[in-house]
Each structure stands twice: as C-alpha cells, then as structure tokens.
C-alpha cells in the first residue's frame, strides 16, 4: 500500500508477504540507564521470554557517549512473527527499559 492509500498494482492483490522469514535469528536492541546489572537484567528477561537460557555470547552492550545510558543487543532465535510481537509487547511493559528497537 502506498502512503496515499492506493494499492500498488505490483503488490499481488490481497497477498501479504512477511518481511522476516521464520525461523530466524533476530536482534533486539534494548536501552536503559547505565547502572550495575542492566545487561544481566536484560539477559534474564530474555531468558524468561524465550523459555530458555540466553548465553552471554548472545548479548553485546554499548554505553552512550556520555555514559548515562547503555544499549544492549540480544540475538535470539524466533519461530514466528507472533513471538516477536509478544516480546516487543513485554519490553513495552518493563520499567527499566527506556527505549527498544
């Protein structure tokens, strides 16, 4: 669908194709205050959401330029779009998470 609401004739009718093919490795980026244990908090949160232990190798943390915030990237193996959306819904509920992508 185009911005003006008109359907693109090359879009193939009512068929909607997912942009992500599942199963897939997907990287979530989660930002929060730079405080002791934020990366571990994110790892435990994703362990709970995925129903399996998340390896520390699946995480990378990058502090902001002034050191006030930290960005944690978590790579997980997703089986469906519904699971991806459920994780984003849970991230939205978490108080310690300032922003997520």
C-alpha atoms as a PDB file:
ATOM      1  CA  UNK A   1       0.000   0.000   0.000  1.00  0.00           C
ATOM      2  CA  UNK A   2       1.279   3.456  -0.839  1.00  0.00           C
ATOM      3  CA  UNK A   3       1.279   6.457   1.507  1.00  0.00           C
ATOM      4  CA  UNK A   4      -1.781   7.945  -0.219  1.00  0.00           C
ATOM      5  CA  UNK A   5      -3.812   4.781   0.472  1.00  0.00           C
ATOM      6  CA  UNK A   6      -3.748   3.487  -3.106  1.00  0.00           C
ATOM      7  CA  UNK A   7      -2.685  -0.114  -3.522  1.00  0.00           C
ATOM      8  CA  UNK A   8       0.458  -0.772  -5.525  1.00  0.00           C
ATOM      9  CA  UNK A   9      -0.571  -2.793  -8.614  1.00  0.00           C
ATOM     10  CA  UNK A  10       2.637  -4.831  -8.402  1.00  0.00           C
ATOM     11  CA  UNK A  11       1.802  -5.923  -4.847  1.00  0.00           C
ATOM     12  CA  UNK A  12      -0.065  -9.048  -5.979  1.00  0.00           C
ATOM     13  CA  UNK A  13      -3.584  -8.402  -4.669  1.00  0.00           C
ATOM     14  CA  UNK A  14      -4.517  -9.355  -1.116  1.00  0.00           C
ATOM     15  CA  UNK A  15      -1.428 -11.492  -0.517  1.00  0.00           C
ATOM     16  CA  UNK A  16       0.780 -10.016   2.195  1.00  0.00           C
ATOM     17  CA  UNK A  17       4.349 -11.261   2.405  1.00  0.00           C
ATOM     18  CA  UNK A  18       6.247 -11.144   5.706  1.00  0.00           C
ATOM     19  CA  UNK A  19       9.455  -9.136   5.665  1.00  0.00           C
ATOM     20  CA  UNK A  20      11.112 -11.624   8.013  1.00  0.00           C
ATOM     21  CA  UNK A  21      11.239 -15.300   7.134  1.00  0.00           C
ATOM     22  CA  UNK A  22      10.840 -17.581  10.159  1.00  0.00           C
ATOM     23  CA  UNK A  23      12.509 -19.337  11.834  1.00  0.00           C
ATOM     24  CA  UNK A  24      15.146 -16.637  12.059  1.00  0.00           C
ATOM     25  CA  UNK A  25      17.814 -15.139  14.281  1.00  0.00           C
ATOM     26  CA  UNK A  26      16.559 -11.698  15.297  1.00  0.00           C
ATOM     27  CA  UNK A  27      18.424  -8.938  17.127  1.00  0.00           C
ATOM     28  CA  UNK A  28      16.546  -6.834  19.676  1.00  0.00           C
ATOM     29  CA  UNK A  29      18.139  -3.596  20.872  1.00  0.00           C
ATOM     30  CA  UNK A  30      17.187  -2.520  24.399  1.00  0.00           C
ATOM     31  CA  UNK A  31      18.298   0.726  26.051  1.00  0.00           C
ATOM     32  CA  UNK A  32      18.270   1.681  29.698  1.00  0.00           C
ATOM     33  CA  UNK A  33      20.114   3.633  32.346  1.00  0.00           C
ATOM     34  CA  UNK A  34      23.770   2.711  32.727  1.00  0.00           C
ATOM     35  CA  UNK A  35      23.602   1.043  36.109  1.00  0.00           C
ATOM     36  CA  UNK A  36      25.135  -2.038  37.599  1.00  0.00           C
ATOM     37  CA  UNK A  37      23.477  -5.159  36.257  1.00  0.00           C
ATOM     38  CA  UNK A  38      21.373  -3.742  33.391  1.00  0.00           C
ATOM     39  CA  UNK A  39      22.840  -6.161  30.817  1.00  0.00           C
ATOM     40  CA  UNK A  40      22.247  -9.084  33.197  1.00  0.00           C
ATOM     41  CA  UNK A  41      18.688  -7.854  33.791  1.00  0.00           C
ATOM     42  CA  UNK A  42      18.113  -7.870  30.014  1.00  0.00           C
ATOM     43  CA  UNK A  43      19.643 -11.358  29.696  1.00  0.00           C
ATOM     44  CA  UNK A  44      17.369 -12.738  32.421  1.00  0.00           C
ATOM     45  CA  UNK A  45      14.339 -11.003  30.906  1.00  0.00           C
ATOM     46  CA  UNK A  46      15.001 -12.616  27.521  1.00  0.00           C
ATOM     47  CA  UNK A  47      15.661 -15.985  29.158  1.00  0.00           C
ATOM     48  CA  UNK A  48      12.189 -15.769  30.669  1.00  0.00           C
ATOM     49  CA  UNK A  49      10.581 -14.577  27.416  1.00  0.00           C
ATOM     50  CA  UNK A  50      12.287 -17.245  25.308  1.00  0.00           C
ATOM     51  CA  UNK A  51      11.811 -20.053  27.812  1.00  0.00           C
ATOM     52  CA  UNK A  52      15.480 -20.999  27.568  1.00  0.00           C
ATOM     53  CA  UNK A  53      18.813 -19.767  28.897  1.00  0.00           C
ATOM     54  CA  UNK A  54      20.348 -16.890  26.920  1.00  0.00           C
ATOM     55  CA  UNK A  55      24.092 -17.177  26.540  1.00  0.00           C
ATOM     56  CA  UNK A  56      26.186 -14.132  27.489  1.00  0.00           C
ATOM     57  CA  UNK A  57      27.698 -14.528  23.990  1.00  0.00           C
ATOM     58  CA  UNK A  58      24.275 -13.597  22.545  1.00  0.00           C
ATOM     59  CA  UNK A  59      24.491 -10.137  24.153  1.00  0.00           C
ATOM     60  CA  UNK A  60      26.563  -7.085  23.434  1.00  0.00           C
ATOM     61  CA  UNK A  61      26.475  -3.850  25.412  1.00  0.00           C
ATOM     62  CA  UNK A  62      27.450  -0.369  24.243  1.00  0.00           C
ATOM     63  CA  UNK A  63      27.446   2.634  26.606  1.00  0.00           C
ATOM     64  CA  UNK A  64      26.234   6.013  25.343  1.00  0.00           C
ATOM     65  CA  UNK A  65      28.800   8.714  24.586  1.00  0.00           C
ATOM     66  CA  UNK A  66      28.235  10.408  27.967  1.00  0.00           C
ATOM     67  CA  UNK A  67      27.842   7.142  29.869  1.00  0.00           C
ATOM     68  CA  UNK A  68      24.325   7.801  31.144  1.00  0.00           C
ATOM     69  CA  UNK A  69      22.675   5.030  29.094  1.00  0.00           C
ATOM     70  CA  UNK A  70      23.609   1.605  27.793  1.00  0.00           C
ATOM     71  CA  UNK A  71      22.343  -0.206  24.713  1.00  0.00           C
ATOM     72  CA  UNK A  72      22.139  -3.998  24.903  1.00  0.00           C
ATOM     73  CA  UNK A  73      21.702  -6.019  21.711  1.00  0.00           C
ATOM     74  CA  UNK A  74      20.265  -9.506  22.204  1.00  0.00           C
ATOM     75  CA  UNK A  75      20.228 -12.042  19.359  1.00  0.00           C
ATOM     76  CA  UNK A  76      17.613 -14.780  19.707  1.00  0.00           C
ATOM     77  CA  UNK A  77      16.135 -17.492  17.519  1.00  0.00           C
ATOM     78  CA  UNK A  78      12.477 -16.740  16.752  1.00  0.00           C
ATOM     79  CA  UNK A  79       9.969 -19.173  15.297  1.00  0.00           C
ATOM     80  CA  UNK A  80       7.152 -16.767  14.403  1.00  0.00           C
ATOM     81  CA  UNK A  81       6.027 -13.171  13.960  1.00  0.00           C
ATOM     82  CA  UNK A  82       3.633 -13.645  16.875  1.00  0.00           C
ATOM     83  CA  UNK A  83       6.542 -14.456  19.190  1.00  0.00           C
ATOM     84  CA  UNK A  84       8.443 -11.346  18.025  1.00  0.00           C
ATOM     85  CA  UNK A  85       5.405  -9.159  18.684  1.00  0.00           C
ATOM     86  CA  UNK A  86       4.840 -10.732  22.117  1.00  0.00           C
ATOM     87  CA  UNK A  87       8.431  -9.909  23.090  1.00  0.00           C
ATOM     88  CA  UNK A  88       8.017  -6.283  21.988  1.00  0.00           C
ATOM     89  CA  UNK A  89       4.773  -6.063  23.990  1.00  0.00           C
ATOM     90  CA  UNK A  90       6.605  -7.283  27.096  1.00  0.00           C
ATOM     91  CA  UNK A  91       9.509  -4.872  26.524  1.00  0.00           C
ATOM     92  CA  UNK A  92       6.965  -2.055  26.472  1.00  0.00           C
ATOM     93  CA  UNK A  93       5.821  -3.086  29.985  1.00  0.00           C
ATOM     94  CA  UNK A  94       9.284  -3.131  31.581  1.00  0.00           C
ATOM     95  CA  UNK A  95      10.010  -0.076  33.760  1.00  0.00           C
ATOM     96  CA  UNK A  96      13.820  -0.252  33.494  1.00  0.00           C
ATOM     97  CA  UNK A  97      13.755  -0.170  29.693  1.00  0.00           C
ATOM     98  CA  UNK A  98      13.883   3.363  28.333  1.00  0.00           C
ATOM     99  CA  UNK A  99      13.757   2.526  24.614  1.00  0.00           C
ATOM    100  CA  UNK A 100      13.828  -0.533  22.381  1.00  0.00           C
ATOM    101  CA  UNK A 101      14.179  -1.354  18.686  1.00  0.00           C
END
